[in-house]
Amino acid sequence: MSSNILSPQEILKIAIEVEENGKKLYETLEGKAKDEEVKKVWKFLKEQEEEHRKV
């Protein structure tokens, strides 16, 4: 039987990947947005992901 329990290091790695993927998504959406207010929202969310990654 194999264990499905993740180590703390594996959990941290997954969490970092989630933050990086979120940042990439918001960056892409920001670049595609035509409306300046929408761009600001995507930029804000992208910056939040950057801050989460630093933690």
N, C-alpha and C. Protein backbone atom coordinates (compact mmCIF):
# COMPACT_ATOMS: atom_id res chain seq x y z
N MET A 1 0.83 -1.19 0.00
CA MET A 1 0.00 0.00 0.00
C MET A 1 0.87 1.25 0.00
N SER A 2 0.51 2.17 -0.82
CA SER A 2 1.25 3.43 -0.83
C SER A 2 0.45 4.49 -0.08
N SER A 3 1.17 5.42 0.49
CA SER A 3 0.53 6.49 1.25
C SER A 3 0.25 7.68 0.34
N ASN A 4 -0.92 8.29 0.50
CA ASN A 4 -1.28 9.47 -0.28
C ASN A 4 -1.02 10.76 0.49
N ILE A 5 -0.31 10.67 1.59
CA ILE A 5 -0.04 11.84 2.41
C ILE A 5 1.14 12.60 1.82
N LEU A 6 0.95 13.90 1.65
CA LEU A 6 2.02 14.74 1.11
C LEU A 6 2.89 15.28 2.24
N SER A 7 4.15 15.44 1.94
CA SER A 7 5.06 16.04 2.91
C SER A 7 4.86 17.55 2.93
N PRO A 8 5.31 18.21 3.99
CA PRO A 8 5.20 19.67 4.03
C PRO A 8 5.90 20.33 2.83
N GLN A 9 7.01 19.77 2.40
CA GLN A 9 7.73 20.32 1.25
C GLN A 9 6.91 20.20 -0.03
N GLU A 10 6.23 19.07 -0.19
CA GLU A 10 5.38 18.88 -1.38
C GLU A 10 4.19 19.83 -1.36
N ILE A 11 3.62 20.03 -0.19
CA ILE A 11 2.49 20.96 -0.07
C ILE A 11 2.94 22.37 -0.40
N LEU A 12 4.10 22.77 0.11
CA LEU A 12 4.63 24.11 -0.18
C LEU A 12 4.90 24.28 -1.67
N LYS A 13 5.47 23.26 -2.29
CA LYS A 13 5.75 23.32 -3.73
C LYS A 13 4.45 23.50 -4.52
N ILE A 14 3.42 22.77 -4.16
CA ILE A 14 2.13 22.89 -4.85
C ILE A 14 1.55 24.28 -4.64
N ALA A 15 1.62 24.78 -3.41
CA ALA A 15 1.09 26.12 -3.11
C ALA A 15 1.80 27.19 -3.93
N ILE A 16 3.10 27.09 -4.06
CA ILE A 16 3.87 28.05 -4.86
C ILE A 16 3.46 27.97 -6.32
N GLU A 17 3.29 26.77 -6.83
CA GLU A 17 2.86 26.59 -8.23
C GLU A 17 1.49 27.21 -8.47
N VAL A 18 0.59 27.06 -7.51
CA VAL A 18 -0.75 27.64 -7.63
C VAL A 18 -0.65 29.16 -7.72
N GLU A 19 0.18 29.77 -6.88
CA GLU A 19 0.35 31.22 -6.90
C GLU A 19 0.97 31.68 -8.22
N GLU A 20 1.98 30.96 -8.70
CA GLU A 20 2.62 31.32 -9.96
C GLU A 20 1.65 31.20 -11.13
N ASN A 21 0.85 30.15 -11.13
CA ASN A 21 -0.14 29.98 -12.21
C ASN A 21 -1.19 31.07 -12.17
N GLY A 22 -1.62 31.44 -10.97
CA GLY A 22 -2.57 32.54 -10.83
C GLY A 22 -2.00 33.84 -11.37
N LYS A 23 -0.75 34.12 -11.03
CA LYS A 23 -0.09 35.33 -11.52
C LYS A 23 -0.04 35.34 -13.04
N LYS A 24 0.33 34.23 -13.64
CA LYS A 24 0.40 34.14 -15.10
C LYS A 24 -0.97 34.37 -15.73
N LEU A 25 -2.00 33.79 -15.13
CA LEU A 25 -3.35 33.96 -15.64
C LEU A 25 -3.76 35.43 -15.60
N TYR A 26 -3.58 36.07 -14.45
CA TYR A 26 -3.99 37.47 -14.31
C TYR A 26 -3.16 38.38 -15.21
N GLU A 27 -1.89 38.04 -15.39
CA GLU A 27 -1.03 38.82 -16.28
C GLU A 27 -1.54 38.73 -17.72
N THR A 28 -1.91 37.53 -18.14
CA THR A 28 -2.46 37.33 -19.48
C THR A 28 -3.76 38.11 -19.66
N LEU A 29 -4.65 38.00 -18.67
CA LEU A 29 -5.93 38.70 -18.75
C LEU A 29 -5.73 40.21 -18.76
N GLU A 30 -4.79 40.68 -17.98
CA GLU A 30 -4.49 42.12 -17.96
C GLU A 30 -4.04 42.58 -19.34
N GLY A 31 -3.20 41.79 -19.98
CA GLY A 31 -2.71 42.14 -21.30
C GLY A 31 -3.78 42.13 -22.38
N LYS A 32 -4.80 41.33 -22.19
CA LYS A 32 -5.86 41.22 -23.19
C LYS A 32 -7.03 42.18 -22.95
N ALA A 33 -7.10 42.72 -21.75
CA ALA A 33 -8.23 43.59 -21.40
C ALA A 33 -8.18 44.89 -22.21
N LYS A 34 -9.33 45.31 -22.68
CA LYS A 34 -9.45 46.56 -23.43
C LYS A 34 -9.83 47.71 -22.50
N ASP A 35 -10.68 47.42 -21.55
CA ASP A 35 -11.18 48.43 -20.62
C ASP A 35 -10.14 48.68 -19.52
N GLU A 36 -9.83 49.95 -19.26
CA GLU A 36 -8.80 50.30 -18.28
C GLU A 36 -9.18 49.87 -16.86
N GLU A 37 -10.45 49.95 -16.52
CA GLU A 37 -10.88 49.52 -15.18
C GLU A 37 -10.71 48.02 -15.01
N VAL A 38 -11.00 47.27 -16.05
CA VAL A 38 -10.82 45.82 -16.01
C VAL A 38 -9.34 45.50 -15.90
N LYS A 39 -8.51 46.22 -16.65
CA LYS A 39 -7.05 46.04 -16.58
C LYS A 39 -6.56 46.23 -15.16
N LYS A 40 -7.10 47.26 -14.49
CA LYS A 40 -6.69 47.55 -13.11
C LYS A 40 -7.02 46.39 -12.18
N VAL A 41 -8.17 45.78 -12.39
CA VAL A 41 -8.56 44.64 -11.55
C VAL A 41 -7.60 43.49 -11.75
N TRP A 42 -7.30 43.16 -13.01
CA TRP A 42 -6.37 42.06 -13.28
C TRP A 42 -4.99 42.38 -12.73
N LYS A 43 -4.56 43.62 -12.87
CA LYS A 43 -3.24 44.02 -12.35
C LYS A 43 -3.21 43.86 -10.83
N PHE A 44 -4.27 44.31 -10.17
CA PHE A 44 -4.34 44.18 -8.72
C PHE A 44 -4.25 42.71 -8.30
N LEU A 45 -5.01 41.85 -8.96
CA LEU A 45 -5.00 40.43 -8.62
C LEU A 45 -3.63 39.81 -8.89
N LYS A 46 -3.00 40.22 -9.98
CA LYS A 46 -1.65 39.74 -10.30
C LYS A 46 -0.68 40.12 -9.19
N GLU A 47 -0.77 41.37 -8.74
CA GLU A 47 0.11 41.84 -7.68
C GLU A 47 -0.14 41.10 -6.37
N GLN A 48 -1.39 40.75 -6.11
CA GLN A 48 -1.71 39.98 -4.91
C GLN A 48 -1.04 38.61 -4.97
N GLU A 49 -1.06 37.99 -6.12
CA GLU A 49 -0.41 36.69 -6.28
C GLU A 49 1.09 36.82 -6.08
N GLU A 50 1.68 37.91 -6.57
CA GLU A 50 3.12 38.14 -6.37
C GLU A 50 3.43 38.24 -4.88
N GLU A 51 2.59 38.94 -4.15
CA GLU A 51 2.79 39.08 -2.70
C GLU A 51 2.63 37.73 -2.00
N HIS A 52 1.65 36.95 -2.40
CA HIS A 52 1.45 35.63 -1.79
C HIS A 52 2.68 34.76 -2.02
N ARG A 53 3.25 34.86 -3.19
CA ARG A 53 4.43 34.05 -3.55
C ARG A 53 5.60 34.39 -2.64
N LYS A 54 5.71 35.66 -2.26
CA LYS A 54 6.82 36.09 -1.41
C LYS A 54 6.73 35.49 -0.01
N VAL A 55 5.50 35.23 0.42
CA VAL A 55 5.30 34.70 1.77
C VAL A 55 5.82 33.28 1.80
